Amino acid sequence: MEDTGFKPSPSLIRRIAPTQYIHGKMLKGVVHDPTAYNMGGVAGHAGLFSTASDLSIFAQMLLNGGVIKGVRILSSATVEKMTTPQSPPGSVPLRGFGWDIGSPFASNRDELLPAGSYSHTGFTGTGIWIDPVSRTYVIILTNQVHPYGKGNAGPLREQIISFIAQEIGSVSEGQVLTAGPL
């Protein structure tokens, strides 16, 4: 992954989509979230810039149990903790470490990819959904705040995921169990 990080270098700015107008200036390559901005552009919840190509590498690494191109990046135990429920028993939303497994943030969750899939969405409308059963991932790079800070990319994100899930089709209980934790 060569194009992912906080505070992108000026050489990458021409490849970065503008975010939104703030104080009469169009932000580009600068986090728009006020808390992350006040933290110098680096925060756990906002400010990470990436490309579909880099996110594809990351998704494939997770599907491979932490390995990409023969190199172990994460232990299989770490991938399992990230992608299986880590929430306290009975709590909602259901989450792994950094991943949404079953929460109200995916309003059409039950119509989507099978049990075992996990996702992460961003405020601007971005999303990544990974399904270890079908070995499919979906990367959605949108910007609902461009140009004036208002919009809703949720319905578009839901339509894209629903379309992909429909194309994947049904999976059997055996397929889900076979694809279980890595």
Protein backbone atom coordinates (compact mmCIF):
# COMPACT_ATOMS: atom_id res chain seq x y z
CA MET A 1 0.00 0.00 0.00
CA GLU A 2 1.73 3.13 -1.22
CA ASP A 3 -1.05 5.72 -1.32
CA THR A 4 -2.56 5.37 2.16
CA GLY A 5 -1.86 7.57 5.13
CA PHE A 6 -2.60 10.68 7.10
CA LYS A 7 -1.59 14.14 5.87
CA PRO A 8 -0.84 13.25 2.24
CA SER A 9 2.27 14.71 0.68
CA PRO A 10 1.87 17.64 -1.73
CA SER A 11 2.88 15.33 -4.60
CA LEU A 12 -0.38 13.38 -4.12
CA ILE A 13 -2.74 16.39 -3.92
CA ARG A 14 -3.53 16.37 -7.66
CA ARG A 15 -4.89 12.80 -7.24
CA ILE A 16 -7.07 13.59 -4.21
CA ALA A 17 -10.73 14.52 -4.55
CA PRO A 18 -11.69 17.80 -2.88
CA THR A 19 -13.53 17.47 0.41
CA GLN A 20 -15.64 20.55 1.05
CA TYR A 21 -15.62 24.30 1.47
CA ILE A 22 -14.66 25.46 4.96
CA HIS A 23 -14.14 29.14 5.70
CA GLY A 24 -14.33 29.95 1.99
CA LYS A 25 -11.58 27.50 1.04
CA MET A 26 -11.97 24.14 -0.71
CA LEU A 27 -10.14 21.47 1.28
CA LYS A 28 -8.10 18.97 -0.67
CA GLY A 29 -5.87 16.45 1.09
CA VAL A 30 -6.85 17.97 4.44
CA VAL A 31 -9.20 16.21 6.83
CA HIS A 32 -12.50 18.07 7.16
CA ASP A 33 -13.53 16.57 10.52
CA PRO A 34 -13.09 19.39 13.06
CA THR A 35 -11.74 17.19 15.85
CA ALA A 36 -9.24 15.42 13.60
CA TYR A 37 -8.28 18.76 12.03
CA ASN A 38 -7.59 20.23 15.48
CA MET A 39 -5.46 17.16 16.26
CA GLY A 40 -3.17 18.02 13.36
CA GLY A 41 -4.98 15.85 10.81
CA VAL A 42 -4.19 12.53 12.47
CA ALA A 43 -6.90 10.79 14.47
CA GLY A 44 -8.23 7.28 14.91
CA HIS A 45 -11.66 8.24 13.61
CA ALA A 46 -10.90 10.50 10.61
CA GLY A 47 -8.22 11.79 8.31
CA LEU A 48 -6.94 8.63 6.64
CA PHE A 49 -6.59 9.05 2.87
CA SER A 50 -6.40 6.04 0.55
CA THR A 51 -7.15 4.70 -2.91
CA ALA A 52 -9.34 1.86 -4.16
CA SER A 53 -6.17 0.05 -5.21
CA ASP A 54 -4.62 0.24 -1.73
CA LEU A 55 -7.89 -0.71 -0.03
CA SER A 56 -8.12 -3.70 -2.36
CA ILE A 57 -4.71 -4.88 -1.14
CA PHE A 58 -5.86 -4.46 2.46
CA ALA A 59 -9.12 -6.35 1.87
CA GLN A 60 -7.31 -9.21 0.12
CA MET A 61 -4.82 -9.39 3.00
CA LEU A 62 -7.71 -9.81 5.45
CA LEU A 63 -9.34 -12.46 3.25
CA ASN A 64 -5.98 -14.27 3.21
CA GLY A 65 -5.87 -14.36 7.02
CA GLY A 66 -3.28 -11.58 7.31
CA VAL A 67 -1.02 -12.53 4.37
CA ILE A 68 -0.55 -10.69 1.08
CA LYS A 69 1.85 -11.76 -1.69
CA GLY A 70 3.40 -14.34 0.61
CA VAL A 71 4.18 -11.82 3.38
CA ARG A 72 2.46 -12.02 6.75
CA ILE A 73 1.22 -8.54 7.73
CA LEU A 74 -1.13 -9.49 10.59
CA SER A 75 -1.34 -12.69 12.60
CA SER A 76 -4.37 -14.87 11.92
CA ALA A 77 -5.36 -14.31 15.57
CA THR A 78 -5.40 -10.54 14.98
CA VAL A 79 -7.53 -10.93 11.86
CA GLU A 80 -9.93 -13.14 13.81
CA LYS A 81 -10.24 -10.53 16.60
CA MET A 82 -10.85 -7.83 14.01
CA THR A 83 -13.51 -9.73 12.10
CA THR A 84 -15.47 -11.66 14.73
CA PRO A 85 -17.69 -10.22 17.49
CA GLN A 86 -15.72 -8.57 20.28
CA SER A 87 -18.62 -6.57 21.74
CA PRO A 88 -19.76 -7.42 25.26
CA PRO A 89 -22.43 -10.18 25.24
CA GLY A 90 -25.86 -8.81 24.39
CA SER A 91 -24.62 -5.38 23.36
CA VAL A 92 -25.54 -3.59 20.17
CA PRO A 93 -23.92 -2.69 17.88
CA LEU A 94 -22.05 -5.91 17.22
CA ARG A 95 -18.44 -5.11 16.35
CA GLY A 96 -15.03 -6.65 15.83
CA PHE A 97 -11.91 -4.57 16.43
CA GLY A 98 -12.43 -1.78 13.91
CA TRP A 99 -15.19 -3.53 11.96
CA ASP A 100 -18.96 -3.41 11.97
CA ILE A 101 -20.40 -6.92 12.05
CA GLY A 102 -24.04 -6.15 12.75
CA SER A 103 -25.17 -2.68 13.68
CA PRO A 104 -27.73 -0.04 12.80
CA PHE A 105 -25.13 1.71 10.60
CA ALA A 106 -25.98 -0.82 7.88
CA SER A 107 -29.74 -0.30 7.67
CA ASN A 108 -30.20 -3.08 5.13
CA ARG A 109 -27.77 -5.48 6.86
CA ASP A 110 -30.14 -8.45 6.76
CA GLU A 111 -30.55 -8.11 2.98
CA LEU A 112 -26.83 -8.04 2.37
CA LEU A 113 -23.89 -10.35 2.43
CA PRO A 114 -24.02 -13.50 4.56
CA ALA A 115 -23.19 -14.00 8.20
CA GLY A 116 -19.48 -13.58 8.74
CA SER A 117 -19.16 -10.50 6.56
CA TYR A 118 -17.86 -7.27 8.04
CA SER A 119 -17.67 -3.65 7.03
CA HIS A 120 -16.42 -0.21 7.91
CA THR A 121 -18.12 2.99 6.84
CA GLY A 122 -16.92 6.55 6.93
CA PHE A 123 -18.82 9.75 7.62
CA THR A 124 -18.29 11.04 4.09
CA GLY A 125 -20.08 8.01 2.65
CA THR A 126 -17.11 5.75 2.04
CA GLY A 127 -17.35 2.09 2.82
CA ILE A 128 -15.61 -1.24 2.58
CA TRP A 129 -17.48 -4.53 2.90
CA ILE A 130 -15.69 -7.88 3.05
CA ASP A 131 -17.33 -11.29 2.80
CA PRO A 132 -15.05 -14.23 3.61
CA VAL A 133 -17.65 -16.77 2.41
CA SER A 134 -17.73 -15.59 -1.20
CA ARG A 135 -14.25 -14.02 -0.89
CA THR A 136 -15.74 -10.79 -2.18
CA TYR A 137 -15.03 -7.25 -1.14
CA VAL A 138 -16.65 -3.99 -2.12
CA ILE A 139 -14.95 -0.61 -1.87
CA ILE A 140 -17.08 2.51 -2.12
CA LEU A 141 -15.34 5.88 -2.27
CA THR A 142 -17.93 8.64 -2.16
CA ASN A 143 -18.11 12.10 -0.65
CA GLN A 144 -21.43 13.21 0.74
CA VAL A 145 -19.98 16.42 2.17
CA HIS A 146 -18.72 17.85 -1.15
CA PRO A 147 -18.96 20.74 -1.73
CA TYR A 148 -20.95 22.36 1.09
CA GLY A 149 -20.96 19.83 3.93
CA LYS A 150 -24.39 18.31 3.28
CA GLY A 151 -25.55 15.13 1.64
CA ASN A 152 -26.37 11.52 2.27
CA ALA A 153 -24.43 8.76 0.54
CA GLY A 154 -26.11 6.07 2.68
CA PRO A 155 -28.81 5.17 0.15
CA LEU A 156 -26.24 4.88 -2.67
CA ARG A 157 -23.98 2.73 -0.49
CA GLU A 158 -26.95 0.49 0.37
CA GLN A 159 -27.94 0.11 -3.30
CA ILE A 160 -24.41 -0.86 -4.31
CA ILE A 161 -24.07 -3.44 -1.53
CA SER A 162 -27.56 -4.83 -2.23
CA PHE A 163 -26.69 -5.23 -5.91
CA ILE A 164 -23.43 -7.04 -5.10
CA ALA A 165 -25.16 -9.29 -2.55
CA GLN A 166 -27.82 -10.18 -5.11
CA GLU A 167 -25.14 -11.06 -7.66
CA ILE A 168 -23.33 -13.26 -5.13
CA GLY A 169 -26.58 -15.06 -4.35
CA SER A 170 -27.43 -17.36 -1.50
CA VAL A 171 -24.83 -19.28 0.41
CA SER A 172 -25.31 -22.47 2.36
CA GLU A 173 -24.82 -22.92 6.07
CA GLY A 174 -21.90 -25.20 5.22
CA GLN A 175 -20.20 -22.46 3.21
CA VAL A 176 -20.54 -20.05 6.14
CA LEU A 177 -19.14 -22.60 8.60
CA THR A 178 -16.27 -23.53 6.25
CA ALA A 179 -15.29 -19.87 5.85
CA GLY A 180 -15.45 -19.31 9.65
CA PRO A 181 -12.69 -17.66 11.68
CA LEU A 182 -9.25 -17.87 10.13
